[in-house]
Amino acid sequence: MTNMAPADTRIEAVATRLKEAAQKRAEAYAPPTEWQQIWKRPRKPKSIKAKKAELAKQRKRLKAAGVRRFYGAQPRRPRPRPRPRPRKNRIGSAAARRDTRALSRMRHSNAWLW
């Protein structure tokens, strides 16, 4: 016969507590029953207050974007007030004018991407 120590009640109590805790953890980690993707779950309808708050936020965002777009299109420097100016002197280097025209065309094209 094997010599077995008499059962200690404290050890048995600890063992049962450990088994219960392990069982609870196993239940907690178990996969959920009938799992669905988030886009297939039934939606909880928003309250009217939440809808209005969301729409107000969206309006504010779109208005700010419109203001940014408006001011982005404005020139940085103020334009001088209109006054009759003498025409520029037409006597100049025709080659320089041609170069300027060609550079302007290049600047407004996407040729630099090639």
PDB file of N, CA and C in Angstrom:
ATOM      1  N   MET A   1       0.822  -1.178   0.000  1.00  0.00           N
ATOM      2  CA  MET A   1       0.000   0.000   0.000  1.00  0.00           C
ATOM      3  C   MET A   1       0.872   1.250   0.000  1.00  0.00           C
ATOM      4  N   THR A   2       0.291   2.268  -0.614  1.00  0.00           N
ATOM      5  CA  THR A   2       1.030   3.535  -0.656  1.00  0.00           C
ATOM      6  C   THR A   2       0.720   4.335   0.592  1.00  0.00           C
ATOM      7  N   ASN A   3       1.700   5.026   1.027  1.00  0.00           N
ATOM      8  CA  ASN A   3       1.492   5.878   2.198  1.00  0.00           C
ATOM      9  C   ASN A   3       0.952   7.225   1.725  1.00  0.00           C
ATOM     10  N   MET A   4      -0.321   7.511   1.937  1.00  0.00           N
ATOM     11  CA  MET A   4      -0.923   8.788   1.554  1.00  0.00           C
ATOM     12  C   MET A   4      -1.118   9.619   2.805  1.00  0.00           C
ATOM     13  N   ALA A   5      -0.757  10.848   2.681  1.00  0.00           N
ATOM     14  CA  ALA A   5      -0.958  11.760   3.808  1.00  0.00           C
ATOM     15  C   ALA A   5      -2.444  12.015   3.963  1.00  0.00           C
ATOM     16  N   PRO A   6      -2.898  12.232   5.163  1.00  0.00           N
ATOM     17  CA  PRO A   6      -4.306  12.534   5.342  1.00  0.00           C
ATOM     18  C   PRO A   6      -4.669  13.805   4.588  1.00  0.00           C
ATOM     19  N   ALA A   7      -5.866  13.850   3.985  1.00  0.00           N
ATOM     20  CA  ALA A   7      -6.297  14.995   3.167  1.00  0.00           C
ATOM     21  C   ALA A   7      -6.380  16.253   4.020  1.00  0.00           C
ATOM     22  N   ASP A   8      -5.738  17.294   3.529  1.00  0.00           N
ATOM     23  CA  ASP A   8      -5.762  18.570   4.237  1.00  0.00           C
ATOM     24  C   ASP A   8      -6.924  19.398   3.680  1.00  0.00           C
ATOM     25  N   THR A   9      -7.790  19.856   4.535  1.00  0.00           N
ATOM     26  CA  THR A   9      -8.983  20.593   4.072  1.00  0.00           C
ATOM     27  C   THR A   9      -8.612  21.914   3.405  1.00  0.00           C
ATOM     28  N   ARG A  10      -7.537  22.549   3.867  1.00  0.00           N
ATOM     29  CA  ARG A  10      -7.144  23.829   3.259  1.00  0.00           C
ATOM     30  C   ARG A  10      -6.696  23.628   1.818  1.00  0.00           C
ATOM     31  N   ILE A  11      -5.942  22.564   1.558  1.00  0.00           N
ATOM     32  CA  ILE A  11      -5.455  22.282   0.201  1.00  0.00           C
ATOM     33  C   ILE A  11      -6.636  21.961  -0.710  1.00  0.00           C
ATOM     34  N   GLU A  12      -7.576  21.181  -0.189  1.00  0.00           N
ATOM     35  CA  GLU A  12      -8.751  20.849  -1.000  1.00  0.00           C
ATOM     36  C   GLU A  12      -9.563  22.104  -1.325  1.00  0.00           C
ATOM     37  N   ALA A  13      -9.689  23.012  -0.373  1.00  0.00           N
ATOM     38  CA  ALA A  13     -10.434  24.258  -0.604  1.00  0.00           C
ATOM     39  C   ALA A  13      -9.751  25.099  -1.679  1.00  0.00           C
ATOM     40  N   VAL A  14      -8.431  25.194  -1.610  1.00  0.00           N
ATOM     41  CA  VAL A  14      -7.676  25.956  -2.614  1.00  0.00           C
ATOM     42  C   VAL A  14      -7.842  25.303  -3.981  1.00  0.00           C
ATOM     43  N   ALA A  15      -7.783  23.977  -4.033  1.00  0.00           N
ATOM     44  CA  ALA A  15      -7.915  23.263  -5.308  1.00  0.00           C
ATOM     45  C   ALA A  15      -9.289  23.511  -5.932  1.00  0.00           C
ATOM     46  N   THR A  16     -10.335  23.467  -5.120  1.00  0.00           N
ATOM     47  CA  THR A  16     -11.683  23.714  -5.680  1.00  0.00           C
ATOM     48  C   THR A  16     -11.805  25.152  -6.164  1.00  0.00           C
ATOM     49  N   ARG A  17     -11.222  26.104  -5.413  1.00  0.00           N
ATOM     50  CA  ARG A  17     -11.278  27.509  -5.867  1.00  0.00           C
ATOM     51  C   ARG A  17     -10.553  27.683  -7.186  1.00  0.00           C
ATOM     52  N   LEU A  18      -9.415  27.005  -7.324  1.00  0.00           N
ATOM     53  CA  LEU A  18      -8.659  27.104  -8.577  1.00  0.00           C
ATOM     54  C   LEU A  18      -9.451  26.512  -9.739  1.00  0.00           C
ATOM     55  N   LYS A  19     -10.106  25.381  -9.501  1.00  0.00           N
ATOM     56  CA  LYS A  19     -10.912  24.758 -10.561  1.00  0.00           C
ATOM     57  C   LYS A  19     -12.058  25.673 -10.990  1.00  0.00           C
ATOM     58  N   GLU A  20     -12.723  26.291 -10.006  1.00  0.00           N
ATOM     59  CA  GLU A  20     -13.830  27.205 -10.328  1.00  0.00           C
ATOM     60  C   GLU A  20     -13.338  28.410 -11.138  1.00  0.00           C
ATOM     61  N   ALA A  21     -12.206  28.962 -10.714  1.00  0.00           N
ATOM     62  CA  ALA A  21     -11.650  30.125 -11.423  1.00  0.00           C
ATOM     63  C   ALA A  21     -11.277  29.745 -12.857  1.00  0.00           C
ATOM     64  N   ALA A  22     -10.686  28.538 -13.024  1.00  0.00           N
ATOM     65  CA  ALA A  22     -10.307  28.096 -14.367  1.00  0.00           C
ATOM     66  C   ALA A  22     -11.551  27.916 -15.235  1.00  0.00           C
ATOM     67  N   GLN A  23     -12.619  27.410 -14.642  1.00  0.00           N
ATOM     68  CA  GLN A  23     -13.853  27.217 -15.398  1.00  0.00           C
ATOM     69  C   GLN A  23     -14.455  28.566 -15.815  1.00  0.00           C
ATOM     70  N   LYS A  24     -14.403  29.551 -14.900  1.00  0.00           N
ATOM     71  CA  LYS A  24     -14.923  30.883 -15.233  1.00  0.00           C
ATOM     72  C   LYS A  24     -14.124  31.508 -16.377  1.00  0.00           C
ATOM     73  N   ARG A  25     -12.789  31.357 -16.310  1.00  0.00           N
ATOM     74  CA  ARG A  25     -11.946  31.901 -17.391  1.00  0.00           C
ATOM     75  C   ARG A  25     -12.260  31.230 -18.715  1.00  0.00           C
ATOM     76  N   ALA A  26     -12.462  29.913 -18.692  1.00  0.00           N
ATOM     77  CA  ALA A  26     -12.782  29.187 -19.928  1.00  0.00           C
ATOM     78  C   ALA A  26     -14.102  29.682 -20.505  1.00  0.00           C
ATOM     79  N   GLU A  27     -15.077  29.963 -19.641  1.00  0.00           N
ATOM     80  CA  GLU A  27     -16.360  30.488 -20.123  1.00  0.00           C
ATOM     81  C   GLU A  27     -16.193  31.887 -20.699  1.00  0.00           C
ATOM     82  N   ALA A  28     -15.335  32.684 -20.058  1.00  0.00           N
ATOM     83  CA  ALA A  28     -15.127  34.057 -20.524  1.00  0.00           C
ATOM     84  C   ALA A  28     -14.437  34.077 -21.885  1.00  0.00           C
ATOM     85  N   TYR A  29     -13.492  33.151 -22.098  1.00  0.00           N
ATOM     86  CA  TYR A  29     -12.746  33.123 -23.359  1.00  0.00           C
ATOM     87  C   TYR A  29     -13.447  32.324 -24.451  1.00  0.00           C
ATOM     88  N   ALA A  30     -14.554  31.714 -24.133  1.00  0.00           N
ATOM     89  CA  ALA A  30     -15.257  30.905 -25.135  1.00  0.00           C
ATOM     90  C   ALA A  30     -15.747  31.811 -26.264  1.00  0.00           C
ATOM     91  N   PRO A  31     -15.770  31.323 -27.508  1.00  0.00           N
ATOM     92  CA  PRO A  31     -16.233  32.180 -28.600  1.00  0.00           C
ATOM     93  C   PRO A  31     -17.705  32.524 -28.414  1.00  0.00           C
ATOM     94  N   PRO A  32     -18.092  33.752 -28.792  1.00  0.00           N
ATOM     95  CA  PRO A  32     -19.493  34.147 -28.606  1.00  0.00           C
ATOM     96  C   PRO A  32     -20.412  33.300 -29.483  1.00  0.00           C
ATOM     97  N   THR A  33     -21.580  33.079 -29.014  1.00  0.00           N
ATOM     98  CA  THR A  33     -22.521  32.282 -29.797  1.00  0.00           C
ATOM     99  C   THR A  33     -23.082  33.129 -30.923  1.00  0.00           C
ATOM    100  N   GLU A  34     -23.165  32.557 -32.098  1.00  0.00           N
ATOM    101  CA  GLU A  34     -23.714  33.186 -33.301  1.00  0.00           C
ATOM    102  C   GLU A  34     -23.093  34.567 -33.526  1.00  0.00           C
ATOM    103  N   TRP A  35     -21.786  34.584 -33.793  1.00  0.00           N
ATOM    104  CA  TRP A  35     -21.060  35.833 -34.009  1.00  0.00           C
ATOM    105  C   TRP A  35     -21.409  36.407 -35.370  1.00  0.00           C
ATOM    106  N   GLN A  36     -21.594  37.712 -35.438  1.00  0.00           N
ATOM    107  CA  GLN A  36     -21.891  38.374 -36.707  1.00  0.00           C
ATOM    108  C   GLN A  36     -20.906  39.509 -36.918  1.00  0.00           C
ATOM    109  N   GLN A  37     -20.642  39.790 -38.188  1.00  0.00           N
ATOM    110  CA  GLN A  37     -19.796  40.931 -38.486  1.00  0.00           C
ATOM    111  C   GLN A  37     -20.498  42.192 -38.010  1.00  0.00           C
ATOM    112  N   ILE A  38     -19.691  43.225 -37.791  1.00  0.00           N
ATOM    113  CA  ILE A  38     -20.259  44.432 -37.194  1.00  0.00           C
ATOM    114  C   ILE A  38     -21.266  45.093 -38.126  1.00  0.00           C
ATOM    115  N   TRP A  39     -21.080  44.964 -39.452  1.00  0.00           N
ATOM    116  CA  TRP A  39     -22.013  45.618 -40.372  1.00  0.00           C
ATOM    117  C   TRP A  39     -23.301  44.828 -40.539  1.00  0.00           C
ATOM    118  N   LYS A  40     -23.347  43.614 -40.005  1.00  0.00           N
ATOM    119  CA  LYS A  40     -24.571  42.820 -40.107  1.00  0.00           C
ATOM    120  C   LYS A  40     -25.383  42.828 -38.814  1.00  0.00           C
ATOM    121  N   ARG A  41     -24.792  43.420 -37.765  1.00  0.00           N
ATOM    122  CA  ARG A  41     -25.512  43.463 -36.500  1.00  0.00           C
ATOM    123  C   ARG A  41     -26.645  44.474 -36.590  1.00  0.00           C
ATOM    124  N   PRO A  42     -27.730  44.221 -35.895  1.00  0.00           N
ATOM    125  CA  PRO A  42     -28.815  45.197 -35.930  1.00  0.00           C
ATOM    126  C   PRO A  42     -28.364  46.504 -35.282  1.00  0.00           C
ATOM    127  N   ARG A  43     -28.685  47.616 -35.928  1.00  0.00           N
ATOM    128  CA  ARG A  43     -28.245  48.915 -35.423  1.00  0.00           C
ATOM    129  C   ARG A  43     -29.179  49.417 -34.339  1.00  0.00           C
ATOM    130  N   LYS A  44     -28.575  50.090 -33.381  1.00  0.00           N
ATOM    131  CA  LYS A  44     -29.393  50.728 -32.354  1.00  0.00           C
ATOM    132  C   LYS A  44     -29.757  52.106 -32.892  1.00  0.00           C
ATOM    133  N   PRO A  45     -31.028  52.439 -33.023  1.00  0.00           N
ATOM    134  CA  PRO A  45     -31.373  53.738 -33.612  1.00  0.00           C
ATOM    135  C   PRO A  45     -30.875  54.888 -32.740  1.00  0.00           C
ATOM    136  N   LYS A  46     -30.392  55.945 -33.433  1.00  0.00           N
ATOM    137  CA  LYS A  46     -29.889  57.104 -32.702  1.00  0.00           C
ATOM    138  C   LYS A  46     -31.059  57.931 -32.212  1.00  0.00           C
ATOM    139  N   SER A  47     -30.837  58.613 -31.112  1.00  0.00           N
ATOM    140  CA  SER A  47     -31.876  59.508 -30.607  1.00  0.00           C
ATOM    141  C   SER A  47     -31.905  60.757 -31.494  1.00  0.00           C
ATOM    142  N   ILE A  48     -32.998  61.485 -31.435  1.00  0.00           N
ATOM    143  CA  ILE A  48     -33.142  62.698 -32.258  1.00  0.00           C
ATOM    144  C   ILE A  48     -32.064  63.704 -31.881  1.00  0.00           C
ATOM    145  N   LYS A  49     -31.776  63.798 -30.595  1.00  0.00           N
ATOM    146  CA  LYS A  49     -30.744  64.729 -30.119  1.00  0.00           C
ATOM    147  C   LYS A  49     -29.381  64.369 -30.700  1.00  0.00           C
ATOM    148  N   ALA A  50     -29.066  63.060 -30.725  1.00  0.00           N
ATOM    149  CA  ALA A  50     -27.773  62.617 -31.262  1.00  0.00           C
ATOM    150  C   ALA A  50     -27.689  62.882 -32.764  1.00  0.00           C
ATOM    151  N   LYS A  51     -28.818  62.653 -33.477  1.00  0.00           N
ATOM    152  CA  LYS A  51     -28.839  62.929 -34.925  1.00  0.00           C
ATOM    153  C   LYS A  51     -28.594  64.401 -35.198  1.00  0.00           C
ATOM    154  N   LYS A  52     -29.278  65.261 -34.439  1.00  0.00           N
ATOM    155  CA  LYS A  52     -29.133  66.707 -34.656  1.00  0.00           C
ATOM    156  C   LYS A  52     -27.715  67.165 -34.334  1.00  0.00           C
ATOM    157  N   ALA A  53     -27.138  66.595 -33.287  1.00  0.00           N
ATOM    158  CA  ALA A  53     -25.764  66.962 -32.930  1.00  0.00           C
ATOM    159  C   ALA A  53     -24.801  66.547 -34.043  1.00  0.00           C
ATOM    160  N   GLU A  54     -25.007  65.360 -34.599  1.00  0.00           N
ATOM    161  CA  GLU A  54     -24.136  64.883 -35.684  1.00  0.00           C
ATOM    162  C   GLU A  54     -24.274  65.770 -36.921  1.00  0.00           C
ATOM    163  N   LEU A  55     -25.521  66.143 -37.251  1.00  0.00           N
ATOM    164  CA  LEU A  55     -25.737  67.000 -38.417  1.00  0.00           C
ATOM    165  C   LEU A  55     -25.145  68.393 -38.198  1.00  0.00           C
ATOM    166  N   ALA A  56     -25.256  68.911 -36.980  1.00  0.00           N
ATOM    167  CA  ALA A  56     -24.669  70.223 -36.687  1.00  0.00           C
ATOM    168  C   ALA A  56     -23.155  70.172 -36.838  1.00  0.00           C
ATOM    169  N   LYS A  57     -22.565  69.083 -36.378  1.00  0.00           N
ATOM    170  CA  LYS A  57     -21.116  68.907 -36.505  1.00  0.00           C
ATOM    171  C   LYS A  57     -20.712  68.846 -37.981  1.00  0.00           C
ATOM    172  N   GLN A  58     -21.511  68.125 -38.776  1.00  0.00           N
ATOM    173  CA  GLN A  58     -21.217  67.996 -40.203  1.00  0.00           C
ATOM    174  C   GLN A  58     -21.348  69.354 -40.902  1.00  0.00           C
ATOM    175  N   ARG A  59     -22.423  70.112 -40.551  1.00  0.00           N
ATOM    176  CA  ARG A  59     -22.594  71.446 -41.149  1.00  0.00           C
ATOM    177  C   ARG A  59     -21.417  72.339 -40.831  1.00  0.00           C
ATOM    178  N   LYS A  60     -20.969  72.297 -39.581  1.00  0.00           N
ATOM    179  CA  LYS A  60     -19.834  73.121 -39.158  1.00  0.00           C
ATOM    180  C   LYS A  60     -18.576  72.746 -39.938  1.00  0.00           C
ATOM    181  N   ARG A  61     -18.375  71.430 -40.102  1.00  0.00           N
ATOM    182  CA  ARG A  61     -17.192  70.944 -40.832  1.00  0.00           C
ATOM    183  C   ARG A  61     -17.229  71.388 -42.295  1.00  0.00           C
ATOM    184  N   LEU A  62     -18.416  71.258 -42.934  1.00  0.00           N
ATOM    185  CA  LEU A  62     -18.535  71.633 -44.348  1.00  0.00           C
ATOM    186  C   LEU A  62     -18.405  73.143 -44.536  1.00  0.00           C
ATOM    187  N   LYS A  63     -18.943  73.905 -43.584  1.00  0.00           N
ATOM    188  CA  LYS A  63     -18.836  75.357 -43.680  1.00  0.00           C
ATOM    189  C   LYS A  63     -17.378  75.779 -43.570  1.00  0.00           C
ATOM    190  N   ALA A  64     -16.647  75.162 -42.641  1.00  0.00           N
ATOM    191  CA  ALA A  64     -15.223  75.487 -42.481  1.00  0.00           C
ATOM    192  C   ALA A  64     -14.451  75.145 -43.750  1.00  0.00           C
ATOM    193  N   ALA A  65     -14.813  74.020 -44.383  1.00  0.00           N
ATOM    194  CA  ALA A  65     -14.136  73.636 -45.630  1.00  0.00           C
ATOM    195  C   ALA A  65     -14.428  74.657 -46.722  1.00  0.00           C
ATOM    196  N   GLY A  66     -15.683  75.139 -46.781  1.00  0.00           N
ATOM    197  CA  GLY A  66     -16.035  76.154 -47.774  1.00  0.00           C
ATOM    198  C   GLY A  66     -15.268  77.442 -47.557  1.00  0.00           C
ATOM    199  N   VAL A  67     -15.124  77.840 -46.297  1.00  0.00           N
ATOM    200  CA  VAL A  67     -14.369  79.065 -45.986  1.00  0.00           C
ATOM    201  C   VAL A  67     -12.911  78.890 -46.384  1.00  0.00           C
ATOM    202  N   ARG A  68     -12.347  77.709 -46.063  1.00  0.00           N
ATOM    203  CA  ARG A  68     -10.945  77.459 -46.460  1.00  0.00           C
ATOM    204  C   ARG A  68     -10.789  77.509 -47.975  1.00  0.00           C
ATOM    205  N   ARG A  69     -11.755  76.915 -48.689  1.00  0.00           N
ATOM    206  CA  ARG A  69     -11.686  76.900 -50.145  1.00  0.00           C
ATOM    207  C   ARG A  69     -11.779  78.323 -50.702  1.00  0.00           C
ATOM    208  N   PHE A  70     -12.660  79.125 -50.099  1.00  0.00           N
ATOM    209  CA  PHE A  70     -12.820  80.508 -50.576  1.00  0.00           C
ATOM    210  C   PHE A  70     -11.538  81.301 -50.388  1.00  0.00           C
ATOM    211  N   TYR A  71     -10.993  81.237 -49.153  1.00  0.00           N
ATOM    212  CA  TYR A  71      -9.789  82.018 -48.896  1.00  0.00           C
ATOM    213  C   TYR A  71      -8.566  81.434 -49.595  1.00  0.00           C
ATOM    214  N   GLY A  72      -8.576  80.155 -49.886  1.00  0.00           N
ATOM    215  CA  GLY A  72      -7.471  79.573 -50.636  1.00  0.00           C
ATOM    216  C   GLY A  72      -7.428  80.078 -52.064  1.00  0.00           C
ATOM    217  N   ALA A  73      -8.585  80.446 -52.606  1.00  0.00           N
ATOM    218  CA  ALA A  73      -8.638  80.939 -53.985  1.00  0.00           C
ATOM    219  C   ALA A  73      -8.301  82.417 -54.089  1.00  0.00           C
ATOM    220  N   GLN A  74      -8.315  83.123 -52.960  1.00  0.00           N
ATOM    221  CA  GLN A  74      -8.024  84.557 -52.990  1.00  0.00           C
ATOM    222  C   GLN A  74      -6.527  84.779 -53.162  1.00  0.00           C
ATOM    223  N   PRO A  75      -6.155  85.825 -53.897  1.00  0.00           N
ATOM    224  CA  PRO A  75      -4.722  86.111 -54.038  1.00  0.00           C
ATOM    225  C   PRO A  75      -4.139  86.579 -52.705  1.00  0.00           C
ATOM    226  N   ARG A  76      -2.879  86.320 -52.513  1.00  0.00           N
ATOM    227  CA  ARG A  76      -2.239  86.705 -51.256  1.00  0.00           C
ATOM    228  C   ARG A  76      -2.077  88.236 -51.160  1.00  0.00           C
ATOM    229  N   ARG A  77      -1.682  88.841 -52.275  1.00  0.00           N
ATOM    230  CA  ARG A  77      -1.439  90.287 -52.250  1.00  0.00           C
ATOM    231  C   ARG A  77      -2.689  91.021 -52.661  1.00  0.00           C
ATOM    232  N   PRO A  78      -2.986  92.123 -52.007  1.00  0.00           N
ATOM    233  CA  PRO A  78      -4.145  92.900 -52.443  1.00  0.00           C
ATOM    234  C   PRO A  78      -3.869  93.534 -53.802  1.00  0.00           C
ATOM    235  N   ARG A  79      -4.889  93.618 -54.628  1.00  0.00           N
ATOM    236  CA  ARG A  79      -4.705  94.216 -55.958  1.00  0.00           C
ATOM    237  C   ARG A  79      -4.678  95.731 -55.828  1.00  0.00           C
ATOM    238  N   PRO A  80      -3.846  96.376 -56.622  1.00  0.00           N
ATOM    239  CA  PRO A  80      -3.824  97.843 -56.554  1.00  0.00           C
ATOM    240  C   PRO A  80      -5.133  98.395 -57.116  1.00  0.00           C
ATOM    241  N   ARG A  81      -5.509  99.564 -56.632  1.00  0.00           N
ATOM    242  CA  ARG A  81      -6.757 100.131 -57.156  1.00  0.00           C
ATOM    243  C   ARG A  81      -6.572 100.492 -58.618  1.00  0.00           C
ATOM    244  N   PRO A  82      -7.617 100.298 -59.398  1.00  0.00           N
ATOM    245  CA  PRO A  82      -7.449 100.546 -60.836  1.00  0.00           C
ATOM    246  C   PRO A  82      -7.210 102.024 -61.130  1.00  0.00           C
ATOM    247  N   ARG A  83      -6.224 102.279 -61.937  1.00  0.00           N
ATOM    248  CA  ARG A  83      -5.954 103.641 -62.396  1.00  0.00           C
ATOM    249  C   ARG A  83      -5.340 103.534 -63.783  1.00  0.00           C
ATOM    250  N   PRO A  84      -5.530 104.495 -64.574  1.00  0.00           N
ATOM    251  CA  PRO A  84      -4.953 104.403 -65.938  1.00  0.00           C
ATOM    252  C   PRO A  84      -3.431 104.379 -65.859  1.00  0.00           C
ATOM    253  N   ARG A  85      -2.878 103.340 -66.446  1.00  0.00           N
ATOM    254  CA  ARG A  85      -1.422 103.222 -66.457  1.00  0.00           C
ATOM    255  C   ARG A  85      -0.936 103.344 -67.890  1.00  0.00           C
ATOM    256  N   PRO A  86       0.228 103.902 -68.039  1.00  0.00           N
ATOM    257  CA  PRO A  86       0.762 103.941 -69.415  1.00  0.00           C
ATOM    258  C   PRO A  86       1.124 102.527 -69.854  1.00  0.00           C
ATOM    259  N   ARG A  87       0.982 102.275 -71.143  1.00  0.00           N
ATOM    260  CA  ARG A  87       1.326 100.952 -71.663  1.00  0.00           C
ATOM    261  C   ARG A  87       2.806 100.704 -71.500  1.00  0.00           C
ATOM    262  N   LYS A  88       3.141  99.441 -71.328  1.00  0.00           N
ATOM    263  CA  LYS A  88       4.552  99.109 -71.159  1.00  0.00           C
ATOM    264  C   LYS A  88       5.307  99.434 -72.445  1.00  0.00           C
ATOM    265  N   ASN A  89       6.549  99.668 -72.258  1.00  0.00           N
ATOM    266  CA  ASN A  89       7.396  99.962 -73.396  1.00  0.00           C
ATOM    267  C   ASN A  89       7.505  98.698 -74.245  1.00  0.00           C
ATOM    268  N   ARG A  90       7.095  98.778 -75.473  1.00  0.00           N
ATOM    269  CA  ARG A  90       7.105  97.608 -76.345  1.00  0.00           C
ATOM    270  C   ARG A  90       8.493  97.326 -76.902  1.00  0.00           C
ATOM    271  N   ILE A  91       9.377  98.267 -76.750  1.00  0.00           N
ATOM    272  CA  ILE A  91      10.729  98.027 -77.255  1.00  0.00           C
ATOM    273  C   ILE A  91      11.440  97.159 -76.221  1.00  0.00           C
ATOM    274  N   GLY A  92      11.811  95.955 -76.612  1.00  0.00           N
ATOM    275  CA  GLY A  92      12.486  95.057 -75.701  1.00  0.00           C
ATOM    276  C   GLY A  92      13.046  93.893 -76.492  1.00  0.00           C
ATOM    277  N   SER A  93      13.543  92.931 -75.803  1.00  0.00           N
ATOM    278  CA  SER A  93      14.133  91.798 -76.476  1.00  0.00           C
ATOM    279  C   SER A  93      13.034  90.810 -76.847  1.00  0.00           C
ATOM    280  N   ALA A  94      12.845  90.591 -78.119  1.00  0.00           N
ATOM    281  CA  ALA A  94      11.832  89.630 -78.562  1.00  0.00           C
ATOM    282  C   ALA A  94      12.202  88.218 -78.098  1.00  0.00           C
ATOM    283  N   ALA A  95      13.494  87.941 -78.059  1.00  0.00           N
ATOM    284  CA  ALA A  95      13.946  86.613 -77.617  1.00  0.00           C
ATOM    285  C   ALA A  95      13.575  86.397 -76.140  1.00  0.00           C
ATOM    286  N   ALA A  96      13.725  87.438 -75.340  1.00  0.00           N
ATOM    287  CA  ALA A  96      13.383  87.323 -73.914  1.00  0.00           C
ATOM    288  C   ALA A  96      11.886  87.054 -73.762  1.00  0.00           C
ATOM    289  N   ARG A  97      11.074  87.746 -74.591  1.00  0.00           N
ATOM    290  CA  ARG A  97       9.625  87.515 -74.520  1.00  0.00           C
ATOM    291  C   ARG A  97       9.289  86.083 -74.917  1.00  0.00           C
ATOM    292  N   ARG A  98       9.954  85.576 -75.943  1.00  0.00           N
ATOM    293  CA  ARG A  98       9.715  84.200 -76.382  1.00  0.00           C
ATOM    294  C   ARG A  98      10.089  83.218 -75.279  1.00  0.00           C
ATOM    295  N   ASP A  99      11.252  83.459 -74.634  1.00  0.00           N
ATOM    296  CA  ASP A  99      11.682  82.580 -73.544  1.00  0.00           C
ATOM    297  C   ASP A  99      10.669  82.597 -72.406  1.00  0.00           C
ATOM    298  N   THR A 100      10.206  83.794 -72.066  1.00  0.00           N
ATOM    299  CA  THR A 100       9.236  83.915 -70.978  1.00  0.00           C
ATOM    300  C   THR A 100       7.967  83.152 -71.311  1.00  0.00           C
ATOM    301  N   ARG A 101       7.513  83.272 -72.546  1.00  0.00           N
ATOM    302  CA  ARG A 101       6.297  82.581 -72.974  1.00  0.00           C
ATOM    303  C   ARG A 101       6.482  81.057 -72.879  1.00  0.00           C
ATOM    304  N   ALA A 102       7.637  80.590 -73.338  1.00  0.00           N
ATOM    305  CA  ALA A 102       7.904  79.148 -73.306  1.00  0.00           C
ATOM    306  C   ALA A 102       7.980  78.642 -71.858  1.00  0.00           C
ATOM    307  N   LEU A 103       8.638  79.423 -71.000  1.00  0.00           N
ATOM    308  CA  LEU A 103       8.727  79.019 -69.598  1.00  0.00           C
ATOM    309  C   LEU A 103       7.349  78.977 -68.948  1.00  0.00           C
ATOM    310  N   SER A 104       6.512  79.954 -69.294  1.00  0.00           N
ATOM    311  CA  SER A 104       5.167  79.990 -68.732  1.00  0.00           C
ATOM    312  C   SER A 104       4.377  78.758 -69.172  1.00  0.00           C
ATOM    313  N   ARG A 105       4.523  78.387 -70.440  1.00  0.00           N
ATOM    314  CA  ARG A 105       3.835  77.189 -70.929  1.00  0.00           C
ATOM    315  C   ARG A 105       4.312  75.946 -70.195  1.00  0.00           C
ATOM    316  N   MET A 106       5.627  75.878 -69.977  1.00  0.00           N
ATOM    317  CA  MET A 106       6.170  74.725 -69.261  1.00  0.00           C
ATOM    318  C   MET A 106       5.649  74.681 -67.825  1.00  0.00           C
ATOM    319  N   ARG A 107       5.560  75.872 -67.214  1.00  0.00           N
ATOM    320  CA  ARG A 107       5.136  75.916 -65.819  1.00  0.00           C
ATOM    321  C   ARG A 107       3.688  75.453 -65.675  1.00  0.00           C
ATOM    322  N   HIS A 108       2.854  75.753 -66.668  1.00  0.00           N
ATOM    323  CA  HIS A 108       1.446  75.389 -66.593  1.00  0.00           C
ATOM    324  C   HIS A 108       1.149  74.035 -67.207  1.00  0.00           C
ATOM    325  N   SER A 109       2.174  73.316 -67.624  1.00  0.00           N
ATOM    326  CA  SER A 109       1.943  71.985 -68.173  1.00  0.00           C
ATOM    327  C   SER A 109       2.470  70.950 -67.177  1.00  0.00           C
ATOM    328  N   ASN A 110       2.219  69.697 -67.474  1.00  0.00           N
ATOM    329  CA  ASN A 110       2.766  68.666 -66.583  1.00  0.00           C
ATOM    330  C   ASN A 110       3.934  67.950 -67.259  1.00  0.00           C
ATOM    331  N   ALA A 111       4.652  68.668 -68.114  1.00  0.00           N
ATOM    332  CA  ALA A 111       5.759  68.065 -68.849  1.00  0.00           C
ATOM    333  C   ALA A 111       6.891  67.638 -67.910  1.00  0.00           C
ATOM    334  N   TRP A 112       7.007  68.308 -66.772  1.00  0.00           N
ATOM    335  CA  TRP A 112       8.107  67.979 -65.855  1.00  0.00           C
ATOM    336  C   TRP A 112       7.940  66.579 -65.245  1.00  0.00           C
ATOM    337  N   LEU A 113       6.757  65.999 -65.360  1.00  0.00           N
ATOM    338  CA  LEU A 113       6.551  64.675 -64.787  1.00  0.00           C
ATOM    339  C   LEU A 113       7.216  63.580 -65.601  1.00  0.00           C
ATOM    340  N   TRP A 114       7.543  63.851 -66.870  1.00  0.00           N
ATOM    341  CA  TRP A 114       8.070  62.789 -67.719  1.00  0.00           C
ATOM    342  C   TRP A 114       9.539  62.564 -67.497  1.00  0.00           C
TER     343      TRP A 114
END
